[in-house]
Amino acid sequence: MKLAKDLISKIFQEQVTPQHLLLKIEMISDRLLLKSISLTYKKQIFETFTQEITTYMYPRPAKNIAETTSFIKNSLEGMKNEHELILVILKKDSQEFLGCAGIHRINSQHPEFGIWLKKPAHHNGYGLETVVTMKNWCEENLDCEYFIYPVDQENYPSRRIPQKLGGEIIRTYQKRNLSGRILNLVEYKIPKG
């Protein structure tokens, strides 16, 4: 991964090894704070990542808090290895937990965005604001050509996110999620800029 100068400076200022830099990321937008996932948020993730939320997603809800802990630990390992950046989404003013987002394949030319929001956070524009914030961060800090955003074709609110960012469908495919449901995915290519 090619890091921008400000990230290199952060390595020296905070004396963080480069492979652990993704564990200390913060992105700020008008209303939101996105920060690297940590075990601090395991209870909120476990309680809000429900069957309803995962309807159009590959993962299934955790059966117990230990599964959520395992997910977070695996995410942290992926971040240490620079495979992905998993973030919690918080309201900037109150620090209320809203959901999680990810930049997968972070060291590739085509990073992939993923996001979920807890039910009470839906229909507030937080999804678009989150993806725009991640996109801006990627454009400043990564060497990439464009972004990928896969979404189930029936998930119209989520499909509007890449559409508003000039995304174009580049492929469609089916995938069985971990709950056994067949997802009919459309994959958007979101341009830089």
C-alpha atoms as a PDB file:
ATOM      1  CA  MET A   1       0.000   0.000   0.000  1.00  0.00           C
ATOM      2  CA  LYS A   2       1.372   3.408  -0.911  1.00  0.00           C
ATOM      3  CA  LEU A   3       0.771   5.763   1.979  1.00  0.00           C
ATOM      4  CA  ALA A   4       0.526   9.517   1.663  1.00  0.00           C
ATOM      5  CA  LYS A   5       3.060  11.763   3.350  1.00  0.00           C
ATOM      6  CA  ASP A   6       0.729  12.656   6.219  1.00  0.00           C
ATOM      7  CA  LEU A   7       0.346   8.974   7.111  1.00  0.00           C
ATOM      8  CA  ILE A   8       4.108   8.496   6.988  1.00  0.00           C
ATOM      9  CA  SER A   9       4.433  11.483   9.333  1.00  0.00           C
ATOM     10  CA  LYS A  10       1.889   9.902  11.676  1.00  0.00           C
ATOM     11  CA  ILE A  11       3.994   6.741  11.828  1.00  0.00           C
ATOM     12  CA  PHE A  12       6.955   8.729  13.119  1.00  0.00           C
ATOM     13  CA  GLN A  13       4.952  11.027  15.407  1.00  0.00           C
ATOM     14  CA  GLU A  14       3.072   8.207  17.120  1.00  0.00           C
ATOM     15  CA  GLN A  15       5.888   5.681  16.770  1.00  0.00           C
ATOM     16  CA  VAL A  16       3.481   3.185  15.246  1.00  0.00           C
ATOM     17  CA  THR A  17       4.825   0.440  13.037  1.00  0.00           C
ATOM     18  CA  PRO A  18       3.499   0.789   9.475  1.00  0.00           C
ATOM     19  CA  GLN A  19       1.574  -2.492   9.646  1.00  0.00           C
ATOM     20  CA  HIS A  20      -0.303  -1.265  12.715  1.00  0.00           C
ATOM     21  CA  LEU A  21      -1.178   2.127  11.252  1.00  0.00           C
ATOM     22  CA  LEU A  22      -4.613   0.950  10.113  1.00  0.00           C
ATOM     23  CA  LEU A  23      -5.484   0.239  13.763  1.00  0.00           C
ATOM     24  CA  LYS A  24      -5.436   3.985  14.521  1.00  0.00           C
ATOM     25  CA  ILE A  25      -7.369   5.542  11.648  1.00  0.00           C
ATOM     26  CA  GLU A  26      -9.975   8.256  12.195  1.00  0.00           C
ATOM     27  CA  MET A  27     -12.029   9.880   9.453  1.00  0.00           C
ATOM     28  CA  ILE A  28     -14.296  12.827  10.187  1.00  0.00           C
ATOM     29  CA  SER A  29     -17.227  14.130   8.150  1.00  0.00           C
ATOM     30  CA  ASP A  30     -19.914  16.707   8.908  1.00  0.00           C
ATOM     31  CA  ARG A  31     -21.886  14.405  11.209  1.00  0.00           C
ATOM     32  CA  LEU A  32     -19.803  11.266  11.562  1.00  0.00           C
ATOM     33  CA  LEU A  33     -16.620   9.887  13.048  1.00  0.00           C
ATOM     34  CA  LEU A  34     -15.290   6.720  11.450  1.00  0.00           C
ATOM     35  CA  LYS A  35     -12.571   5.005  13.434  1.00  0.00           C
ATOM     36  CA  SER A  36     -10.745   1.701  13.361  1.00  0.00           C
ATOM     37  CA  ILE A  37     -12.775  -1.095  14.898  1.00  0.00           C
ATOM     38  CA  SER A  38     -11.851  -2.291  18.390  1.00  0.00           C
ATOM     39  CA  LEU A  39     -13.194  -4.656  21.018  1.00  0.00           C
ATOM     40  CA  THR A  40     -14.695  -1.617  22.752  1.00  0.00           C
ATOM     41  CA  TYR A  41     -17.649  -1.892  20.348  1.00  0.00           C
ATOM     42  CA  LYS A  42     -18.335  -5.632  20.585  1.00  0.00           C
ATOM     43  CA  LYS A  43     -21.557  -5.246  22.604  1.00  0.00           C
ATOM     44  CA  GLN A  44     -23.021  -2.619  20.250  1.00  0.00           C
ATOM     45  CA  ILE A  45     -22.095  -4.671  17.179  1.00  0.00           C
ATOM     46  CA  PHE A  46     -23.553  -7.860  18.660  1.00  0.00           C
ATOM     47  CA  GLU A  47     -26.822  -6.170  19.629  1.00  0.00           C
ATOM     48  CA  THR A  48     -27.412  -4.297  16.354  1.00  0.00           C
ATOM     49  CA  PHE A  49     -26.073  -6.668  13.662  1.00  0.00           C
ATOM     50  CA  THR A  50     -29.382  -8.523  13.438  1.00  0.00           C
ATOM     51  CA  GLN A  51     -31.059 -10.923  11.014  1.00  0.00           C
ATOM     52  CA  GLU A  52     -32.969  -8.004   9.501  1.00  0.00           C
ATOM     53  CA  ILE A  53     -29.776  -6.000   8.959  1.00  0.00           C
ATOM     54  CA  THR A  54     -28.029  -8.943   7.264  1.00  0.00           C
ATOM     55  CA  THR A  55     -30.884  -9.736   4.844  1.00  0.00           C
ATOM     56  CA  TYR A  56     -28.898  -8.439   1.856  1.00  0.00           C
ATOM     57  CA  MET A  57     -25.417  -9.168   3.199  1.00  0.00           C
ATOM     58  CA  TYR A  58     -22.990 -12.100   3.024  1.00  0.00           C
ATOM     59  CA  PRO A  59     -22.422 -12.456   6.793  1.00  0.00           C
ATOM     60  CA  ARG A  60     -25.007 -13.716   9.241  1.00  0.00           C
ATOM     61  CA  PRO A  61     -25.643 -12.302  12.707  1.00  0.00           C
ATOM     62  CA  ALA A  62     -23.451 -13.611  15.493  1.00  0.00           C
ATOM     63  CA  LYS A  63     -25.067 -16.321  17.608  1.00  0.00           C
ATOM     64  CA  ASN A  64     -23.259 -15.088  20.717  1.00  0.00           C
ATOM     65  CA  ILE A  65     -20.898 -12.344  21.826  1.00  0.00           C
ATOM     66  CA  ALA A  66     -17.915 -14.687  21.369  1.00  0.00           C
ATOM     67  CA  GLU A  67     -18.589 -14.753  17.612  1.00  0.00           C
ATOM     68  CA  THR A  68     -18.616 -10.958  17.546  1.00  0.00           C
ATOM     69  CA  THR A  69     -15.336 -10.907  19.470  1.00  0.00           C
ATOM     70  CA  SER A  70     -13.872 -13.347  16.947  1.00  0.00           C
ATOM     71  CA  PHE A  71     -15.039 -11.146  14.050  1.00  0.00           C
ATOM     72  CA  ILE A  72     -13.358  -8.106  15.603  1.00  0.00           C
ATOM     73  CA  LYS A  73     -10.114  -9.988  16.289  1.00  0.00           C
ATOM     74  CA  ASN A  74     -10.062 -11.293  12.705  1.00  0.00           C
ATOM     75  CA  SER A  75     -10.703  -7.752  11.458  1.00  0.00           C
ATOM     76  CA  LEU A  76      -7.805  -6.424  13.530  1.00  0.00           C
ATOM     77  CA  GLU A  77      -5.543  -9.129  12.103  1.00  0.00           C
ATOM     78  CA  GLY A  78      -6.624  -8.206   8.573  1.00  0.00           C
ATOM     79  CA  MET A  79      -5.832  -4.586   9.352  1.00  0.00           C
ATOM     80  CA  LYS A  80      -2.388  -5.448  10.727  1.00  0.00           C
ATOM     81  CA  ASN A  81      -1.725  -7.351   7.498  1.00  0.00           C
ATOM     82  CA  GLU A  82      -3.041  -4.440   5.385  1.00  0.00           C
ATOM     83  CA  HIS A  83      -5.788  -6.528   3.748  1.00  0.00           C
ATOM     84  CA  GLU A  84      -8.663  -4.358   4.913  1.00  0.00           C
ATOM     85  CA  LEU A  85      -9.708  -1.447   7.071  1.00  0.00           C
ATOM     86  CA  ILE A  86     -12.775  -2.072   9.245  1.00  0.00           C
ATOM     87  CA  LEU A  87     -14.331   0.972  10.879  1.00  0.00           C
ATOM     88  CA  VAL A  88     -17.035   1.743  13.381  1.00  0.00           C
ATOM     89  CA  ILE A  89     -19.417   4.528  12.415  1.00  0.00           C
ATOM     90  CA  LEU A  90     -20.208   6.960  15.234  1.00  0.00           C
ATOM     91  CA  LYS A  91     -22.173  10.183  15.473  1.00  0.00           C
ATOM     92  CA  LYS A  92     -19.502  12.833  15.775  1.00  0.00           C
ATOM     93  CA  ASP A  93     -21.260  14.874  18.453  1.00  0.00           C
ATOM     94  CA  SER A  94     -22.554  12.118  20.756  1.00  0.00           C
ATOM     95  CA  GLN A  95     -20.283   9.152  19.863  1.00  0.00           C
ATOM     96  CA  GLU A  96     -23.443   7.042  19.399  1.00  0.00           C
ATOM     97  CA  PHE A  97     -22.626   3.782  17.601  1.00  0.00           C
ATOM     98  CA  LEU A  98     -24.372   3.614  14.205  1.00  0.00           C
ATOM     99  CA  GLY A  99     -22.783   0.622  12.455  1.00  0.00           C
ATOM    100  CA  CYS A 100     -19.665  -0.602  10.694  1.00  0.00           C
ATOM    101  CA  ALA A 101     -17.970  -0.002   7.373  1.00  0.00           C
ATOM    102  CA  GLY A 102     -15.078  -1.589   5.574  1.00  0.00           C
ATOM    103  CA  ILE A 103     -12.546  -0.968   2.875  1.00  0.00           C
ATOM    104  CA  HIS A 104     -11.661  -4.466   1.691  1.00  0.00           C
ATOM    105  CA  ARG A 105      -8.703  -5.341  -0.550  1.00  0.00           C
ATOM    106  CA  ILE A 106      -7.223  -2.055   0.633  1.00  0.00           C
ATOM    107  CA  ASN A 107      -3.853  -2.700  -0.996  1.00  0.00           C
ATOM    108  CA  SER A 108      -5.316  -3.404  -4.449  1.00  0.00           C
ATOM    109  CA  GLN A 109      -6.053  -1.088  -7.363  1.00  0.00           C
ATOM    110  CA  HIS A 110      -9.792  -1.586  -6.727  1.00  0.00           C
ATOM    111  CA  PRO A 111     -10.651  -1.364  -3.008  1.00  0.00           C
ATOM    112  CA  GLU A 112     -14.140  -2.588  -2.122  1.00  0.00           C
ATOM    113  CA  PHE A 113     -16.521  -0.674   0.141  1.00  0.00           C
ATOM    114  CA  GLY A 114     -18.959  -2.331   2.505  1.00  0.00           C
ATOM    115  CA  ILE A 115     -21.288  -0.830   5.089  1.00  0.00           C
ATOM    116  CA  TRP A 116     -24.100  -1.652   7.480  1.00  0.00           C
ATOM    117  CA  LEU A 117     -26.088   0.605   9.776  1.00  0.00           C
ATOM    118  CA  LYS A 118     -28.247  -0.320  12.731  1.00  0.00           C
ATOM    119  CA  LYS A 119     -31.974  -0.079  12.031  1.00  0.00           C
ATOM    120  CA  PRO A 120     -32.638   3.256  13.855  1.00  0.00           C
ATOM    121  CA  ALA A 121     -29.863   4.887  11.773  1.00  0.00           C
ATOM    122  CA  HIS A 122     -31.497   4.081   8.419  1.00  0.00           C
ATOM    123  CA  HIS A 123     -32.885   6.820   6.134  1.00  0.00           C
ATOM    124  CA  ASN A 124     -30.700   9.607   7.534  1.00  0.00           C
ATOM    125  CA  GLY A 125     -28.078   9.782   4.778  1.00  0.00           C
ATOM    126  CA  TYR A 126     -25.423   8.187   6.994  1.00  0.00           C
ATOM    127  CA  GLY A 127     -24.657   5.476   4.419  1.00  0.00           C
ATOM    128  CA  LEU A 128     -23.786   7.921   1.663  1.00  0.00           C
ATOM    129  CA  GLU A 129     -21.868  10.159   4.077  1.00  0.00           C
ATOM    130  CA  THR A 130     -19.853   7.149   5.269  1.00  0.00           C
ATOM    131  CA  VAL A 131     -18.970   5.942   1.776  1.00  0.00           C
ATOM    132  CA  VAL A 132     -18.050   9.471   0.635  1.00  0.00           C
ATOM    133  CA  THR A 133     -15.800   9.814   3.700  1.00  0.00           C
ATOM    134  CA  MET A 134     -14.077   6.475   2.992  1.00  0.00           C
ATOM    135  CA  LYS A 135     -13.727   7.347  -0.700  1.00  0.00           C
ATOM    136  CA  ASN A 136     -12.109  10.696   0.139  1.00  0.00           C
ATOM    137  CA  TRP A 137      -9.715   8.992   2.557  1.00  0.00           C
ATOM    138  CA  CYS A 138      -8.768   6.398  -0.054  1.00  0.00           C
ATOM    139  CA  GLU A 139      -8.163   9.047  -2.696  1.00  0.00           C
ATOM    140  CA  GLU A 140      -5.826  10.885  -0.318  1.00  0.00           C
ATOM    141  CA  ASN A 141      -3.995   7.852   1.065  1.00  0.00           C
ATOM    142  CA  LEU A 142      -4.077   4.944  -1.396  1.00  0.00           C
ATOM    143  CA  ASP A 143      -2.798   4.317  -4.886  1.00  0.00           C
ATOM    144  CA  CYS A 144      -5.911   2.967  -6.611  1.00  0.00           C
ATOM    145  CA  GLU A 145      -7.777   3.257  -9.921  1.00  0.00           C
ATOM    146  CA  TYR A 146     -11.420   3.039  -8.812  1.00  0.00           C
ATOM    147  CA  PHE A 147     -13.661   1.547  -6.119  1.00  0.00           C
ATOM    148  CA  ILE A 148     -15.972  -1.473  -6.015  1.00  0.00           C
ATOM    149  CA  TYR A 149     -19.357  -1.511  -4.268  1.00  0.00           C
ATOM    150  CA  PRO A 150     -21.268  -4.827  -4.395  1.00  0.00           C
ATOM    151  CA  VAL A 151     -24.915  -4.731  -3.320  1.00  0.00           C
ATOM    152  CA  ASP A 152     -27.976  -6.966  -3.612  1.00  0.00           C
ATOM    153  CA  GLN A 153     -30.174  -5.796  -6.482  1.00  0.00           C
ATOM    154  CA  GLU A 154     -33.193  -5.620  -4.144  1.00  0.00           C
ATOM    155  CA  ASN A 155     -31.444  -3.339  -1.647  1.00  0.00           C
ATOM    156  CA  TYR A 156     -32.554  -0.094  -3.299  1.00  0.00           C
ATOM    157  CA  PRO A 157     -31.465   2.300  -0.525  1.00  0.00           C
ATOM    158  CA  SER A 158     -27.933   0.884  -0.636  1.00  0.00           C
ATOM    159  CA  ARG A 159     -27.871   0.889  -4.452  1.00  0.00           C
ATOM    160  CA  ARG A 160     -28.490   4.639  -4.431  1.00  0.00           C
ATOM    161  CA  ILE A 161     -25.119   5.184  -2.727  1.00  0.00           C
ATOM    162  CA  PRO A 162     -22.883   4.177  -5.663  1.00  0.00           C
ATOM    163  CA  GLN A 163     -25.364   5.647  -8.135  1.00  0.00           C
ATOM    164  CA  LYS A 164     -25.037   9.073  -6.463  1.00  0.00           C
ATOM    165  CA  LEU A 165     -21.246   8.738  -6.759  1.00  0.00           C
ATOM    166  CA  GLY A 166     -21.333   8.084 -10.493  1.00  0.00           C
ATOM    167  CA  GLY A 167     -21.053   4.321 -10.101  1.00  0.00           C
ATOM    168  CA  GLU A 168     -21.748   2.026 -13.029  1.00  0.00           C
ATOM    169  CA  ILE A 169     -22.673  -1.654 -12.885  1.00  0.00           C
ATOM    170  CA  ILE A 170     -19.741  -3.737 -14.120  1.00  0.00           C
ATOM    171  CA  ARG A 171     -21.051  -7.205 -13.305  1.00  0.00           C
ATOM    172  CA  THR A 172     -23.889  -9.170 -11.754  1.00  0.00           C
ATOM    173  CA  TYR A 173     -23.629 -12.508  -9.982  1.00  0.00           C
ATOM    174  CA  GLN A 174     -25.249 -14.721  -7.379  1.00  0.00           C
ATOM    175  CA  LYS A 175     -23.765 -15.686  -4.035  1.00  0.00           C
ATOM    176  CA  ARG A 176     -25.211 -17.693  -1.157  1.00  0.00           C
ATOM    177  CA  ASN A 177     -24.861 -15.825   2.124  1.00  0.00           C
ATOM    178  CA  LEU A 178     -23.990 -17.451   5.445  1.00  0.00           C
ATOM    179  CA  SER A 179     -27.685 -17.559   6.384  1.00  0.00           C
ATOM    180  CA  GLY A 180     -28.373 -19.674   3.283  1.00  0.00           C
ATOM    181  CA  ARG A 181     -30.111 -16.983   1.215  1.00  0.00           C
ATOM    182  CA  ILE A 182     -29.136 -16.457  -2.436  1.00  0.00           C
ATOM    183  CA  LEU A 183     -27.989 -12.880  -3.017  1.00  0.00           C
ATOM    184  CA  ASN A 184     -28.423 -11.377  -6.485  1.00  0.00           C
ATOM    185  CA  LEU A 185     -25.517  -8.971  -6.466  1.00  0.00           C
ATOM    186  CA  VAL A 186     -24.765  -6.029  -8.700  1.00  0.00           C
ATOM    187  CA  GLU A 187     -21.223  -4.748  -8.534  1.00  0.00           C
ATOM    188  CA  TYR A 188     -20.705  -1.040  -9.072  1.00  0.00           C
ATOM    189  CA  LYS A 189     -17.498   0.614 -10.223  1.00  0.00           C
ATOM    190  CA  ILE A 190     -17.200   4.013  -8.520  1.00  0.00           C
ATOM    191  CA  PRO A 191     -14.770   6.415 -10.211  1.00  0.00           C
ATOM    192  CA  LYS A 192     -12.199   8.482  -8.364  1.00  0.00           C
ATOM    193  CA  GLY A 193     -12.641  12.208  -8.150  1.00  0.00           C
END
